[in-house]
């Protein structure tokens, strides 16, 4: 079994906190605004962003949903993966606003698009 050192934990906390801050600033949210949206004390969010406190997966998922980022964004430094997650999150947010009927139409559109050979799609 692999153990995680205190130093590794601190590096992870610092990196995750930095990524939360970057994503928050990208969305132009103040720290207090984001804290209110995810229902945590602004001081606690500050400690997380500064790497002085760890964060639960559940809270990170709530923050990620609001900021349009997947968990991988916070843990991995991979721009391609981040781009894919940003698009997935954007689509998920839009789907969340759709009615059941709209979702059925979208599902059929996706099926139709998936039937088109990739080489025929130029994006």
PDB file of N, CA and C in Angstrom:
ATOM      1  N   UNK A   1       0.838  -1.176   0.000  1.00  0.00           N
ATOM      2  CA  UNK A   1       0.000   0.000   0.000  1.00  0.00           C
ATOM      3  C   UNK A   1       0.885   1.242   0.000  1.00  0.00           C
ATOM      4  N   UNK A   2       0.508   2.224  -0.840  1.00  0.00           N
ATOM      5  CA  UNK A   2       1.299   3.442  -0.966  1.00  0.00           C
ATOM      6  C   UNK A   2       0.814   4.477   0.054  1.00  0.00           C
ATOM      7  N   UNK A   3       1.762   5.080   0.754  1.00  0.00           N
ATOM      8  CA  UNK A   3       1.403   6.118   1.706  1.00  0.00           C
ATOM      9  C   UNK A   3       1.718   7.481   1.103  1.00  0.00           C
ATOM     10  N   UNK A   4       0.953   8.483   1.518  1.00  0.00           N
ATOM     11  CA  UNK A   4       1.129   9.838   1.026  1.00  0.00           C
ATOM     12  C   UNK A   4       1.801  10.644   2.125  1.00  0.00           C
ATOM     13  N   UNK A   5       2.906  11.294   1.773  1.00  0.00           N
ATOM     14  CA  UNK A   5       3.639  12.078   2.760  1.00  0.00           C
ATOM     15  C   UNK A   5       2.932  13.407   3.018  1.00  0.00           C
ATOM     16  N   UNK A   6       3.276  14.016   4.119  1.00  0.00           N
ATOM     17  CA  UNK A   6       2.730  15.334   4.464  1.00  0.00           C
ATOM     18  C   UNK A   6       3.098  16.333   3.370  1.00  0.00           C
ATOM     19  N   UNK A   7       4.335  16.216   2.848  1.00  0.00           N
ATOM     20  CA  UNK A   7       4.783  17.123   1.785  1.00  0.00           C
ATOM     21  C   UNK A   7       3.949  16.946   0.516  1.00  0.00           C
ATOM     22  N   UNK A   8       3.651  15.691   0.169  1.00  0.00           N
ATOM     23  CA  UNK A   8       2.818  15.432  -1.012  1.00  0.00           C
ATOM     24  C   UNK A   8       1.419  16.001  -0.818  1.00  0.00           C
ATOM     25  N   UNK A   9       0.878  15.817   0.372  1.00  0.00           N
ATOM     26  CA  UNK A   9      -0.438  16.368   0.688  1.00  0.00           C
ATOM     27  C   UNK A   9      -0.443  17.882   0.547  1.00  0.00           C
ATOM     28  N   UNK A  10       0.598  18.518   1.068  1.00  0.00           N
ATOM     29  CA  UNK A  10       0.693  19.977   1.002  1.00  0.00           C
ATOM     30  C   UNK A  10       0.805  20.446  -0.442  1.00  0.00           C
ATOM     31  N   UNK A  11       1.622  19.747  -1.242  1.00  0.00           N
ATOM     32  CA  UNK A  11       1.749  20.112  -2.659  1.00  0.00           C
ATOM     33  C   UNK A  11       0.406  19.978  -3.373  1.00  0.00           C
ATOM     34  N   UNK A  12      -0.315  18.902  -3.077  1.00  0.00           N
ATOM     35  CA  UNK A  12      -1.631  18.697  -3.688  1.00  0.00           C
ATOM     36  C   UNK A  12      -2.594  19.802  -3.258  1.00  0.00           C
ATOM     37  N   UNK A  13      -2.638  20.100  -1.953  1.00  0.00           N
ATOM     38  CA  UNK A  13      -3.520  21.163  -1.459  1.00  0.00           C
ATOM     39  C   UNK A  13      -3.207  22.493  -2.135  1.00  0.00           C
ATOM     40  N   UNK A  14      -1.918  22.800  -2.279  1.00  0.00           N
ATOM     41  CA  UNK A  14      -1.504  24.058  -2.897  1.00  0.00           C
ATOM     42  C   UNK A  14      -1.916  24.101  -4.367  1.00  0.00           C
ATOM     43  N   UNK A  15      -1.685  22.993  -5.084  1.00  0.00           N
ATOM     44  CA  UNK A  15      -2.025  22.946  -6.507  1.00  0.00           C
ATOM     45  C   UNK A  15      -3.535  23.033  -6.720  1.00  0.00           C
ATOM     46  N   UNK A  16      -4.305  22.287  -5.931  1.00  0.00           N
ATOM     47  CA  UNK A  16      -5.761  22.313  -6.059  1.00  0.00           C
ATOM     48  C   UNK A  16      -6.288  23.707  -5.723  1.00  0.00           C
ATOM     49  N   UNK A  17      -5.776  24.301  -4.655  1.00  0.00           N
ATOM     50  CA  UNK A  17      -6.203  25.645  -4.276  1.00  0.00           C
ATOM     51  C   UNK A  17      -5.910  26.661  -5.356  1.00  0.00           C
ATOM     52  N   UNK A  18      -4.733  26.546  -5.967  1.00  0.00           N
ATOM     53  CA  UNK A  18      -4.355  27.461  -7.052  1.00  0.00           C
ATOM     54  C   UNK A  18      -5.303  27.310  -8.239  1.00  0.00           C
ATOM     55  N   UNK A  19      -5.652  26.061  -8.557  1.00  0.00           N
ATOM     56  CA  UNK A  19      -6.554  25.811  -9.688  1.00  0.00           C
ATOM     57  C   UNK A  19      -7.960  26.332  -9.395  1.00  0.00           C
ATOM     58  N   UNK A  20      -8.414  26.210  -8.140  1.00  0.00           N
ATOM     59  CA  UNK A  20      -9.720  26.761  -7.774  1.00  0.00           C
ATOM     60  C   UNK A  20      -9.696  28.274  -7.978  1.00  0.00           C
ATOM     61  N   UNK A  21      -8.643  28.924  -7.473  1.00  0.00           N
ATOM     62  CA  UNK A  21      -8.528  30.384  -7.612  1.00  0.00           C
ATOM     63  C   UNK A  21      -8.529  30.789  -9.092  1.00  0.00           C
ATOM     64  N   UNK A  22      -7.730  30.080  -9.915  1.00  0.00           N
ATOM     65  CA  UNK A  22      -7.658  30.394 -11.345  1.00  0.00           C
ATOM     66  C   UNK A  22      -9.028  30.265 -12.008  1.00  0.00           C
ATOM     67  N   UNK A  23      -9.741  29.193 -11.713  1.00  0.00           N
ATOM     68  CA  UNK A  23     -11.059  28.975 -12.310  1.00  0.00           C
ATOM     69  C   UNK A  23     -12.063  30.013 -11.816  1.00  0.00           C
ATOM     70  N   UNK A  24     -11.960  30.366 -10.536  1.00  0.00           N
ATOM     71  CA  UNK A  24     -12.865  31.384  -9.970  1.00  0.00           C
ATOM     72  C   UNK A  24     -12.628  32.731 -10.645  1.00  0.00           C
ATOM     73  N   UNK A  25     -11.372  33.104 -10.802  1.00  0.00           N
ATOM     74  CA  UNK A  25     -11.047  34.386 -11.429  1.00  0.00           C
ATOM     75  C   UNK A  25     -11.434  34.394 -12.905  1.00  0.00           C
ATOM     76  N   UNK A  26     -11.309  33.240 -13.547  1.00  0.00           N
ATOM     77  CA  UNK A  26     -11.720  33.113 -14.945  1.00  0.00           C
ATOM     78  C   UNK A  26     -13.208  33.433 -15.093  1.00  0.00           C
ATOM     79  N   UNK A  27     -14.000  33.009 -14.107  1.00  0.00           N
ATOM     80  CA  UNK A  27     -15.444  33.275 -14.114  1.00  0.00           C
ATOM     81  C   UNK A  27     -15.778  34.645 -13.509  1.00  0.00           C
ATOM     82  N   UNK A  28     -14.742  35.338 -13.035  1.00  0.00           N
ATOM     83  CA  UNK A  28     -14.877  36.668 -12.436  1.00  0.00           C
ATOM     84  C   UNK A  28     -15.758  36.673 -11.179  1.00  0.00           C
ATOM     85  N   UNK A  29     -15.644  35.593 -10.388  1.00  0.00           N
ATOM     86  CA  UNK A  29     -16.335  35.530  -9.106  1.00  0.00           C
ATOM     87  C   UNK A  29     -15.398  36.023  -8.010  1.00  0.00           C
ATOM     88  N   UNK A  30     -15.951  36.744  -7.072  1.00  0.00           N
ATOM     89  CA  UNK A  30     -15.197  37.091  -5.873  1.00  0.00           C
ATOM     90  C   UNK A  30     -15.213  35.859  -4.970  1.00  0.00           C
ATOM     91  N   UNK A  31     -14.224  35.763  -4.108  1.00  0.00           N
ATOM     92  CA  UNK A  31     -14.123  34.620  -3.209  1.00  0.00           C
ATOM     93  C   UNK A  31     -15.396  34.474  -2.373  1.00  0.00           C
ATOM     94  N   UNK A  32     -15.901  35.586  -1.875  1.00  0.00           N
ATOM     95  CA  UNK A  32     -17.102  35.555  -1.047  1.00  0.00           C
ATOM     96  C   UNK A  32     -18.311  35.046  -1.839  1.00  0.00           C
ATOM     97  N   UNK A  33     -18.409  35.435  -3.112  1.00  0.00           N
ATOM     98  CA  UNK A  33     -19.526  34.984  -3.950  1.00  0.00           C
ATOM     99  C   UNK A  33     -19.494  33.467  -4.124  1.00  0.00           C
ATOM    100  N   UNK A  34     -18.318  32.945  -4.459  1.00  0.00           N
ATOM    101  CA  UNK A  34     -18.199  31.502  -4.649  1.00  0.00           C
ATOM    102  C   UNK A  34     -18.480  30.764  -3.345  1.00  0.00           C
ATOM    103  N   UNK A  35     -17.964  31.289  -2.245  1.00  0.00           N
ATOM    104  CA  UNK A  35     -18.200  30.659  -0.940  1.00  0.00           C
ATOM    105  C   UNK A  35     -19.702  30.575  -0.648  1.00  0.00           C
ATOM    106  N   UNK A  36     -20.430  31.638  -0.948  1.00  0.00           N
ATOM    107  CA  UNK A  36     -21.880  31.631  -0.724  1.00  0.00           C
ATOM    108  C   UNK A  36     -22.569  30.607  -1.619  1.00  0.00           C
ATOM    109  N   UNK A  37     -22.110  30.508  -2.875  1.00  0.00           N
ATOM    110  CA  UNK A  37     -22.729  29.568  -3.819  1.00  0.00           C
ATOM    111  C   UNK A  37     -22.550  28.123  -3.387  1.00  0.00           C
ATOM    112  N   UNK A  38     -21.386  27.806  -2.792  1.00  0.00           N
ATOM    113  CA  UNK A  38     -21.132  26.420  -2.381  1.00  0.00           C
ATOM    114  C   UNK A  38     -21.402  26.203  -0.891  1.00  0.00           C
ATOM    115  N   UNK A  39     -21.887  27.271  -0.237  1.00  0.00           N
ATOM    116  CA  UNK A  39     -22.309  27.195   1.169  1.00  0.00           C
ATOM    117  C   UNK A  39     -21.171  26.827   2.126  1.00  0.00           C
ATOM    118  N   UNK A  40     -20.049  27.561   1.990  1.00  0.00           N
ATOM    119  CA  UNK A  40     -18.951  27.427   2.943  1.00  0.00           C
ATOM    120  C   UNK A  40     -18.557  28.815   3.419  1.00  0.00           C
ATOM    121  N   UNK A  41     -17.870  28.860   4.538  1.00  0.00           N
ATOM    122  CA  UNK A  41     -17.381  30.121   5.076  1.00  0.00           C
ATOM    123  C   UNK A  41     -16.314  30.684   4.133  1.00  0.00           C
ATOM    124  N   UNK A  42     -16.367  31.970   3.806  1.00  0.00           N
ATOM    125  CA  UNK A  42     -15.352  32.555   2.929  1.00  0.00           C
ATOM    126  C   UNK A  42     -13.923  32.377   3.448  1.00  0.00           C
ATOM    127  N   UNK A  43     -13.754  32.364   4.764  1.00  0.00           N
ATOM    128  CA  UNK A  43     -12.416  32.159   5.328  1.00  0.00           C
ATOM    129  C   UNK A  43     -11.909  30.749   5.018  1.00  0.00           C
ATOM    130  N   UNK A  44     -12.811  29.786   5.039  1.00  0.00           N
ATOM    131  CA  UNK A  44     -12.439  28.409   4.718  1.00  0.00           C
ATOM    132  C   UNK A  44     -12.030  28.312   3.248  1.00  0.00           C
ATOM    133  N   UNK A  45     -12.805  28.943   2.356  1.00  0.00           N
ATOM    134  CA  UNK A  45     -12.450  28.938   0.940  1.00  0.00           C
ATOM    135  C   UNK A  45     -11.093  29.605   0.725  1.00  0.00           C
ATOM    136  N   UNK A  46     -10.826  30.666   1.447  1.00  0.00           N
ATOM    137  CA  UNK A  46      -9.530  31.338   1.359  1.00  0.00           C
ATOM    138  C   UNK A  46      -8.404  30.395   1.768  1.00  0.00           C
ATOM    139  N   UNK A  47      -8.618  29.648   2.862  1.00  0.00           N
ATOM    140  CA  UNK A  47      -7.600  28.697   3.324  1.00  0.00           C
ATOM    141  C   UNK A  47      -7.361  27.604   2.272  1.00  0.00           C
ATOM    142  N   UNK A  48      -8.440  27.167   1.623  1.00  0.00           N
ATOM    143  CA  UNK A  48      -8.305  26.152   0.566  1.00  0.00           C
ATOM    144  C   UNK A  48      -7.507  26.725  -0.598  1.00  0.00           C
ATOM    145  N   UNK A  49      -7.886  27.911  -1.052  1.00  0.00           N
ATOM    146  CA  UNK A  49      -7.203  28.520  -2.198  1.00  0.00           C
ATOM    147  C   UNK A  49      -5.726  28.791  -1.912  1.00  0.00           C
ATOM    148  N   UNK A  50      -5.395  29.058  -0.674  1.00  0.00           N
ATOM    149  CA  UNK A  50      -4.012  29.331  -0.306  1.00  0.00           C
ATOM    150  C   UNK A  50      -3.229  28.064   0.044  1.00  0.00           C
ATOM    151  N   UNK A  51      -3.877  26.906  -0.060  1.00  0.00           N
ATOM    152  CA  UNK A  51      -3.192  25.637   0.194  1.00  0.00           C
ATOM    153  C   UNK A  51      -3.014  25.314   1.666  1.00  0.00           C
ATOM    154  N   UNK A  52      -3.690  26.055   2.542  1.00  0.00           N
ATOM    155  CA  UNK A  52      -3.552  25.837   3.984  1.00  0.00           C
ATOM    156  C   UNK A  52      -4.560  24.835   4.523  1.00  0.00           C
ATOM    157  N   UNK A  53      -5.485  24.407   3.663  1.00  0.00           N
ATOM    158  CA  UNK A  53      -6.494  23.447   4.096  1.00  0.00           C
ATOM    159  C   UNK A  53      -6.810  22.523   2.929  1.00  0.00           C
ATOM    160  N   UNK A  54      -7.080  21.271   3.242  1.00  0.00           N
ATOM    161  CA  UNK A  54      -7.498  20.324   2.220  1.00  0.00           C
ATOM    162  C   UNK A  54      -8.961  20.554   1.876  1.00  0.00           C
ATOM    163  N   UNK A  55      -9.453  19.810   0.910  1.00  0.00           N
ATOM    164  CA  UNK A  55     -10.840  19.955   0.471  1.00  0.00           C
ATOM    165  C   UNK A  55     -11.424  18.576   0.228  1.00  0.00           C
ATOM    166  N   UNK A  56     -12.679  18.410   0.586  1.00  0.00           N
ATOM    167  CA  UNK A  56     -13.349  17.127   0.342  1.00  0.00           C
ATOM    168  C   UNK A  56     -13.706  17.016  -1.135  1.00  0.00           C
ATOM    169  N   UNK A  57     -13.810  15.798  -1.594  1.00  0.00           N
ATOM    170  CA  UNK A  57     -14.191  15.563  -2.989  1.00  0.00           C
ATOM    171  C   UNK A  57     -15.580  16.148  -3.265  1.00  0.00           C
ATOM    172  N   UNK A  58     -16.477  16.016  -2.301  1.00  0.00           N
ATOM    173  CA  UNK A  58     -17.846  16.518  -2.483  1.00  0.00           C
ATOM    174  C   UNK A  58     -17.835  18.031  -2.682  1.00  0.00           C
ATOM    175  N   UNK A  59     -17.084  18.755  -1.866  1.00  0.00           N
ATOM    176  CA  UNK A  59     -17.014  20.211  -2.000  1.00  0.00           C
ATOM    177  C   UNK A  59     -16.332  20.586  -3.309  1.00  0.00           C
ATOM    178  N   UNK A  60     -15.282  19.873  -3.673  1.00  0.00           N
ATOM    179  CA  UNK A  60     -14.592  20.165  -4.923  1.00  0.00           C
ATOM    180  C   UNK A  60     -15.521  19.937  -6.117  1.00  0.00           C
ATOM    181  N   UNK A  61     -16.373  18.929  -6.044  1.00  0.00           N
ATOM    182  CA  UNK A  61     -17.339  18.678  -7.111  1.00  0.00           C
ATOM    183  C   UNK A  61     -18.356  19.814  -7.195  1.00  0.00           C
ATOM    184  N   UNK A  62     -18.804  20.328  -6.053  1.00  0.00           N
ATOM    185  CA  UNK A  62     -19.746  21.461  -6.057  1.00  0.00           C
ATOM    186  C   UNK A  62     -19.084  22.693  -6.671  1.00  0.00           C
ATOM    187  N   UNK A  63     -17.847  22.951  -6.273  1.00  0.00           N
ATOM    188  CA  UNK A  63     -17.112  24.096  -6.817  1.00  0.00           C
ATOM    189  C   UNK A  63     -16.906  23.906  -8.317  1.00  0.00           C
ATOM    190  N   UNK A  64     -16.501  22.700  -8.710  1.00  0.00           N
ATOM    191  CA  UNK A  64     -16.280  22.415 -10.124  1.00  0.00           C
ATOM    192  C   UNK A  64     -17.530  22.607 -10.961  1.00  0.00           C
ATOM    193  N   UNK A  65     -18.658  22.200 -10.438  1.00  0.00           N
ATOM    194  CA  UNK A  65     -19.919  22.359 -11.172  1.00  0.00           C
ATOM    195  C   UNK A  65     -20.204  23.832 -11.420  1.00  0.00           C
ATOM    196  N   UNK A  66     -20.032  24.657 -10.403  1.00  0.00           N
ATOM    197  CA  UNK A  66     -20.289  26.091 -10.539  1.00  0.00           C
ATOM    198  C   UNK A  66     -19.285  26.743 -11.486  1.00  0.00           C
ATOM    199  N   UNK A  67     -18.035  26.300 -11.428  1.00  0.00           N
ATOM    200  CA  UNK A  67     -16.991  26.909 -12.246  1.00  0.00           C
ATOM    201  C   UNK A  67     -16.855  26.254 -13.623  1.00  0.00           C
ATOM    202  N   UNK A  68     -17.639  25.211 -13.868  1.00  0.00           N
ATOM    203  CA  UNK A  68     -17.586  24.541 -15.167  1.00  0.00           C
ATOM    204  C   UNK A  68     -16.327  23.724 -15.382  1.00  0.00           C
ATOM    205  N   UNK A  69     -15.833  23.112 -14.297  1.00  0.00           N
ATOM    206  CA  UNK A  69     -14.604  22.320 -14.372  1.00  0.00           C
ATOM    207  C   UNK A  69     -14.846  20.941 -13.783  1.00  0.00           C
ATOM    208  N   UNK A  70     -14.216  19.918 -14.394  1.00  0.00           N
ATOM    209  CA  UNK A  70     -14.279  18.569 -13.854  1.00  0.00           C
ATOM    210  C   UNK A  70     -13.186  18.365 -12.811  1.00  0.00           C
ATOM    211  N   UNK A  71     -13.279  17.277 -12.065  1.00  0.00           N
ATOM    212  CA  UNK A  71     -12.274  16.998 -11.023  1.00  0.00           C
ATOM    213  C   UNK A  71     -10.864  16.933 -11.593  1.00  0.00           C
ATOM    214  N   UNK A  72     -10.729  16.395 -12.809  1.00  0.00           N
ATOM    215  CA  UNK A  72      -9.400  16.296 -13.409  1.00  0.00           C
ATOM    216  C   UNK A  72      -8.739  17.657 -13.560  1.00  0.00           C
ATOM    217  N   UNK A  73      -9.525  18.672 -13.810  1.00  0.00           N
ATOM    218  CA  UNK A  73      -8.968  20.026 -13.956  1.00  0.00           C
ATOM    219  C   UNK A  73      -8.189  20.414 -12.705  1.00  0.00           C
ATOM    220  N   UNK A  74      -8.716  20.053 -11.552  1.00  0.00           N
ATOM    221  CA  UNK A  74      -8.094  20.467 -10.297  1.00  0.00           C
ATOM    222  C   UNK A  74      -6.874  19.617  -9.935  1.00  0.00           C
ATOM    223  N   UNK A  75      -6.840  18.374 -10.428  1.00  0.00           N
ATOM    224  CA  UNK A  75      -5.768  17.467 -10.043  1.00  0.00           C
ATOM    225  C   UNK A  75      -4.692  17.258 -11.104  1.00  0.00           C
ATOM    226  N   UNK A  76      -5.021  17.507 -12.356  1.00  0.00           N
ATOM    227  CA  UNK A  76      -4.069  17.242 -13.429  1.00  0.00           C
ATOM    228  C   UNK A  76      -3.702  18.522 -14.157  1.00  0.00           C
ATOM    229  N   UNK A  77      -2.475  18.610 -14.591  1.00  0.00           N
ATOM    230  CA  UNK A  77      -2.036  19.722 -15.432  1.00  0.00           C
ATOM    231  C   UNK A  77      -1.980  19.232 -16.872  1.00  0.00           C
ATOM    232  N   UNK A  78      -3.139  19.115 -17.494  1.00  0.00           N
ATOM    233  CA  UNK A  78      -3.224  18.629 -18.861  1.00  0.00           C
ATOM    234  C   UNK A  78      -4.209  19.522 -19.612  1.00  0.00           C
ATOM    235  N   UNK A  79      -3.723  20.498 -20.381  1.00  0.00           N
ATOM    236  CA  UNK A  79      -4.612  21.443 -21.073  1.00  0.00           C
ATOM    237  C   UNK A  79      -5.644  20.780 -21.967  1.00  0.00           C
ATOM    238  N   UNK A  80      -5.277  19.695 -22.678  1.00  0.00           N
ATOM    239  CA  UNK A  80      -6.241  19.034 -23.552  1.00  0.00           C
ATOM    240  C   UNK A  80      -7.375  18.425 -22.740  1.00  0.00           C
ATOM    241  N   UNK A  81      -7.034  17.800 -21.621  1.00  0.00           N
ATOM    242  CA  UNK A  81      -8.039  17.209 -20.760  1.00  0.00           C
ATOM    243  C   UNK A  81      -8.926  18.296 -20.166  1.00  0.00           C
ATOM    244  N   UNK A  82      -8.316  19.405 -19.764  1.00  0.00           N
ATOM    245  CA  UNK A  82      -9.075  20.516 -19.199  1.00  0.00           C
ATOM    246  C   UNK A  82     -10.055  21.074 -20.223  1.00  0.00           C
ATOM    247  N   UNK A  83      -9.609  21.202 -21.477  1.00  0.00           N
ATOM    248  CA  UNK A  83     -10.464  21.721 -22.544  1.00  0.00           C
ATOM    249  C   UNK A  83     -11.656  20.800 -22.753  1.00  0.00           C
ATOM    250  N   UNK A  84     -11.403  19.490 -22.782  1.00  0.00           N
ATOM    251  CA  UNK A  84     -12.474  18.513 -22.965  1.00  0.00           C
ATOM    252  C   UNK A  84     -13.466  18.581 -21.808  1.00  0.00           C
ATOM    253  N   UNK A  85     -12.954  18.696 -20.576  1.00  0.00           N
ATOM    254  CA  UNK A  85     -13.844  18.771 -19.424  1.00  0.00           C
ATOM    255  C   UNK A  85     -14.645  20.066 -19.419  1.00  0.00           C
ATOM    256  N   UNK A  86     -14.038  21.150 -19.864  1.00  0.00           N
ATOM    257  CA  UNK A  86     -14.755  22.420 -19.921  1.00  0.00           C
ATOM    258  C   UNK A  86     -15.933  22.305 -20.878  1.00  0.00           C
ATOM    259  N   UNK A  87     -15.709  21.686 -22.039  1.00  0.00           N
ATOM    260  CA  UNK A  87     -16.790  21.505 -23.005  1.00  0.00           C
ATOM    261  C   UNK A  87     -17.844  20.555 -22.453  1.00  0.00           C
ATOM    262  N   UNK A  88     -17.414  19.451 -21.828  1.00  0.00           N
ATOM    263  CA  UNK A  88     -18.361  18.518 -21.219  1.00  0.00           C
ATOM    264  C   UNK A  88     -19.200  19.217 -20.151  1.00  0.00           C
ATOM    265  N   UNK A  89     -18.559  20.035 -19.330  1.00  0.00           N
ATOM    266  CA  UNK A  89     -19.271  20.749 -18.268  1.00  0.00           C
ATOM    267  C   UNK A  89     -20.261  21.744 -18.852  1.00  0.00           C
ATOM    268  N   UNK A  90     -19.859  22.420 -19.921  1.00  0.00           N
ATOM    269  CA  UNK A  90     -20.756  23.383 -20.570  1.00  0.00           C
ATOM    270  C   UNK A  90     -21.988  22.678 -21.127  1.00  0.00           C
ATOM    271  N   UNK A  91     -21.762  21.538 -21.776  1.00  0.00           N
ATOM    272  CA  UNK A  91     -22.884  20.762 -22.323  1.00  0.00           C
ATOM    273  C   UNK A  91     -23.777  20.256 -21.197  1.00  0.00           C
ATOM    274  N   UNK A  92     -23.168  19.766 -20.120  1.00  0.00           N
ATOM    275  CA  UNK A  92     -23.948  19.259 -18.985  1.00  0.00           C
ATOM    276  C   UNK A  92     -24.808  20.359 -18.379  1.00  0.00           C
ATOM    277  N   UNK A  93     -24.264  21.557 -18.252  1.00  0.00           N
ATOM    278  CA  UNK A  93     -25.047  22.672 -17.707  1.00  0.00           C
ATOM    279  C   UNK A  93     -26.233  22.991 -18.607  1.00  0.00           C
ATOM    280  N   UNK A  94     -26.010  22.984 -19.908  1.00  0.00           N
ATOM    281  CA  UNK A  94     -27.099  23.255 -20.851  1.00  0.00           C
ATOM    282  C   UNK A  94     -28.147  22.153 -20.803  1.00  0.00           C
ATOM    283  N   UNK A  95     -27.699  20.895 -20.725  1.00  0.00           N
ATOM    284  CA  UNK A  95     -28.645  19.780 -20.646  1.00  0.00           C
ATOM    285  C   UNK A  95     -29.492  19.860 -19.379  1.00  0.00           C
ATOM    286  N   UNK A  96     -28.872  20.334 -18.316  1.00  0.00           N
ATOM    287  CA  UNK A  96     -29.594  20.474 -17.050  1.00  0.00           C
ATOM    288  C   UNK A  96     -30.762  21.442 -17.131  1.00  0.00           C
ATOM    289  N   UNK A  97     -30.735  22.320 -18.113  1.00  0.00           N
ATOM    290  CA  UNK A  97     -31.804  23.315 -18.290  1.00  0.00           C
ATOM    291  C   UNK A  97     -32.891  22.832 -19.249  1.00  0.00           C
ATOM    292  N   UNK A  98     -32.682  21.675 -19.852  1.00  0.00           N
ATOM    293  CA  UNK A  98     -33.615  21.155 -20.853  1.00  0.00           C
ATOM    294  C   UNK A  98     -34.740  20.336 -20.213  1.00  0.00           C
ATOM    295  N   UNK A  99     -35.872  20.337 -20.899  1.00  0.00           N
ATOM    296  CA  UNK A  99     -36.990  19.480 -20.491  1.00  0.00           C
ATOM    297  C   UNK A  99     -36.697  18.048 -20.950  1.00  0.00           C
ATOM    298  N   UNK A 100     -37.514  17.108 -20.496  1.00  0.00           N
ATOM    299  CA  UNK A 100     -37.331  15.710 -20.900  1.00  0.00           C
ATOM    300  C   UNK A 100     -37.472  15.581 -22.407  1.00  0.00           C
ATOM    301  N   UNK A 101     -38.444  16.272 -22.982  1.00  0.00           N
ATOM    302  CA  UNK A 101     -38.650  16.218 -24.437  1.00  0.00           C
ATOM    303  C   UNK A 101     -37.454  16.764 -25.199  1.00  0.00           C
ATOM    304  N   UNK A 102     -36.909  17.873 -24.718  1.00  0.00           N
ATOM    305  CA  UNK A 102     -35.722  18.450 -25.364  1.00  0.00           C
ATOM    306  C   UNK A 102     -34.538  17.489 -25.275  1.00  0.00           C
ATOM    307  N   UNK A 103     -34.394  16.826 -24.130  1.00  0.00           N
ATOM    308  CA  UNK A 103     -33.298  15.875 -23.965  1.00  0.00           C
ATOM    309  C   UNK A 103     -33.441  14.694 -24.928  1.00  0.00           C
ATOM    310  N   UNK A 104     -34.660  14.238 -25.159  1.00  0.00           N
ATOM    311  CA  UNK A 104     -34.881  13.144 -26.114  1.00  0.00           C
ATOM    312  C   UNK A 104     -34.484  13.571 -27.525  1.00  0.00           C
ATOM    313  N   UNK A 105     -34.835  14.798 -27.903  1.00  0.00           N
ATOM    314  CA  UNK A 105     -34.455  15.319 -29.226  1.00  0.00           C
ATOM    315  C   UNK A 105     -32.937  15.406 -29.336  1.00  0.00           C
ATOM    316  N   UNK A 106     -32.293  15.923 -28.309  1.00  0.00           N
ATOM    317  CA  UNK A 106     -30.831  16.048 -28.306  1.00  0.00           C
ATOM    318  C   UNK A 106     -30.185  14.670 -28.419  1.00  0.00           C
ATOM    319  N   UNK A 107     -30.724  13.692 -27.702  1.00  0.00           N
ATOM    320  CA  UNK A 107     -30.191  12.332 -27.758  1.00  0.00           C
ATOM    321  C   UNK A 107     -30.277  11.778 -29.181  1.00  0.00           C
ATOM    322  N   UNK A 108     -31.394  12.014 -29.854  1.00  0.00           N
ATOM    323  CA  UNK A 108     -31.549  11.542 -31.236  1.00  0.00           C
ATOM    324  C   UNK A 108     -30.589  12.268 -32.176  1.00  0.00           C
ATOM    325  N   UNK A 109     -30.381  13.569 -31.937  1.00  0.00           N
ATOM    326  CA  UNK A 109     -29.414  14.321 -32.744  1.00  0.00           C
ATOM    327  C   UNK A 109     -28.004  13.763 -32.560  1.00  0.00           C
ATOM    328  N   UNK A 110     -27.656  13.460 -31.324  1.00  0.00           N
ATOM    329  CA  UNK A 110     -26.331  12.890 -31.051  1.00  0.00           C
ATOM    330  C   UNK A 110     -26.180  11.547 -31.762  1.00  0.00           C
ATOM    331  N   UNK A 111     -27.218  10.710 -31.677  1.00  0.00           N
ATOM    332  CA  UNK A 111     -27.170   9.422 -32.387  1.00  0.00           C
ATOM    333  C   UNK A 111     -26.944   9.624 -33.883  1.00  0.00           C
ATOM    334  N   UNK A 112     -27.647  10.594 -34.475  1.00  0.00           N
ATOM    335  CA  UNK A 112     -27.500  10.868 -35.908  1.00  0.00           C
ATOM    336  C   UNK A 112     -26.086  11.346 -36.228  1.00  0.00           C
ATOM    337  N   UNK A 113     -25.551  12.205 -35.385  1.00  0.00           N
ATOM    338  CA  UNK A 113     -24.192  12.720 -35.593  1.00  0.00           C
ATOM    339  C   UNK A 113     -23.168  11.598 -35.471  1.00  0.00           C
ATOM    340  N   UNK A 114     -23.373  10.711 -34.507  1.00  0.00           N
ATOM    341  CA  UNK A 114     -22.430   9.603 -34.312  1.00  0.00           C
ATOM    342  C   UNK A 114     -22.439   8.622 -35.482  1.00  0.00           C
ATOM    343  N   UNK A 115     -23.528   8.606 -36.248  1.00  0.00           N
ATOM    344  CA  UNK A 115     -23.606   7.733 -37.427  1.00  0.00           C
ATOM    345  C   UNK A 115     -22.810   8.292 -38.609  1.00  0.00           C
ATOM    346  N   UNK A 116     -22.440   9.561 -38.564  1.00  0.00           N
ATOM    347  CA  UNK A 116     -21.662  10.190 -39.636  1.00  0.00           C
ATOM    348  C   UNK A 116     -20.191   9.812 -39.444  1.00  0.00           C
ATOM    349  N   UNK A 117     -19.545   9.298 -40.471  1.00  0.00           N
ATOM    350  CA  UNK A 117     -18.113   8.969 -40.333  1.00  0.00           C
ATOM    351  C   UNK A 117     -17.313  10.208 -39.911  1.00  0.00           C
ATOM    352  N   UNK A 118     -16.366   9.999 -39.022  1.00  0.00           N
ATOM    353  CA  UNK A 118     -15.587  11.111 -38.485  1.00  0.00           C
ATOM    354  C   UNK A 118     -14.887  11.917 -39.572  1.00  0.00           C
ATOM    355  N   UNK A 119     -14.409  11.239 -40.593  1.00  0.00           N
ATOM    356  CA  UNK A 119     -13.683  11.963 -41.639  1.00  0.00           C
ATOM    357  C   UNK A 119     -14.590  12.913 -42.425  1.00  0.00           C
ATOM    358  N   UNK A 120     -15.922  12.696 -42.346  1.00  0.00           N
ATOM    359  CA  UNK A 120     -16.858  13.592 -43.014  1.00  0.00           C
ATOM    360  C   UNK A 120     -17.172  14.837 -42.178  1.00  0.00           C
ATOM    361  N   UNK A 121     -16.748  14.821 -40.925  1.00  0.00           N
ATOM    362  CA  UNK A 121     -16.976  15.969 -40.062  1.00  0.00           C
ATOM    363  C   UNK A 121     -15.709  16.803 -40.013  1.00  0.00           C
ATOM    364  N   UNK A 122     -15.818  18.044 -40.350  1.00  0.00           N
ATOM    365  CA  UNK A 122     -14.627  18.909 -40.290  1.00  0.00           C
ATOM    366  C   UNK A 122     -14.890  20.040 -39.306  1.00  0.00           C
ATOM    367  N   UNK A 123     -14.287  19.906 -38.135  1.00  0.00           N
ATOM    368  CA  UNK A 123     -14.420  20.941 -37.099  1.00  0.00           C
ATOM    369  C   UNK A 123     -13.062  21.475 -36.737  1.00  0.00           C
TER     370      UNK A 123
END
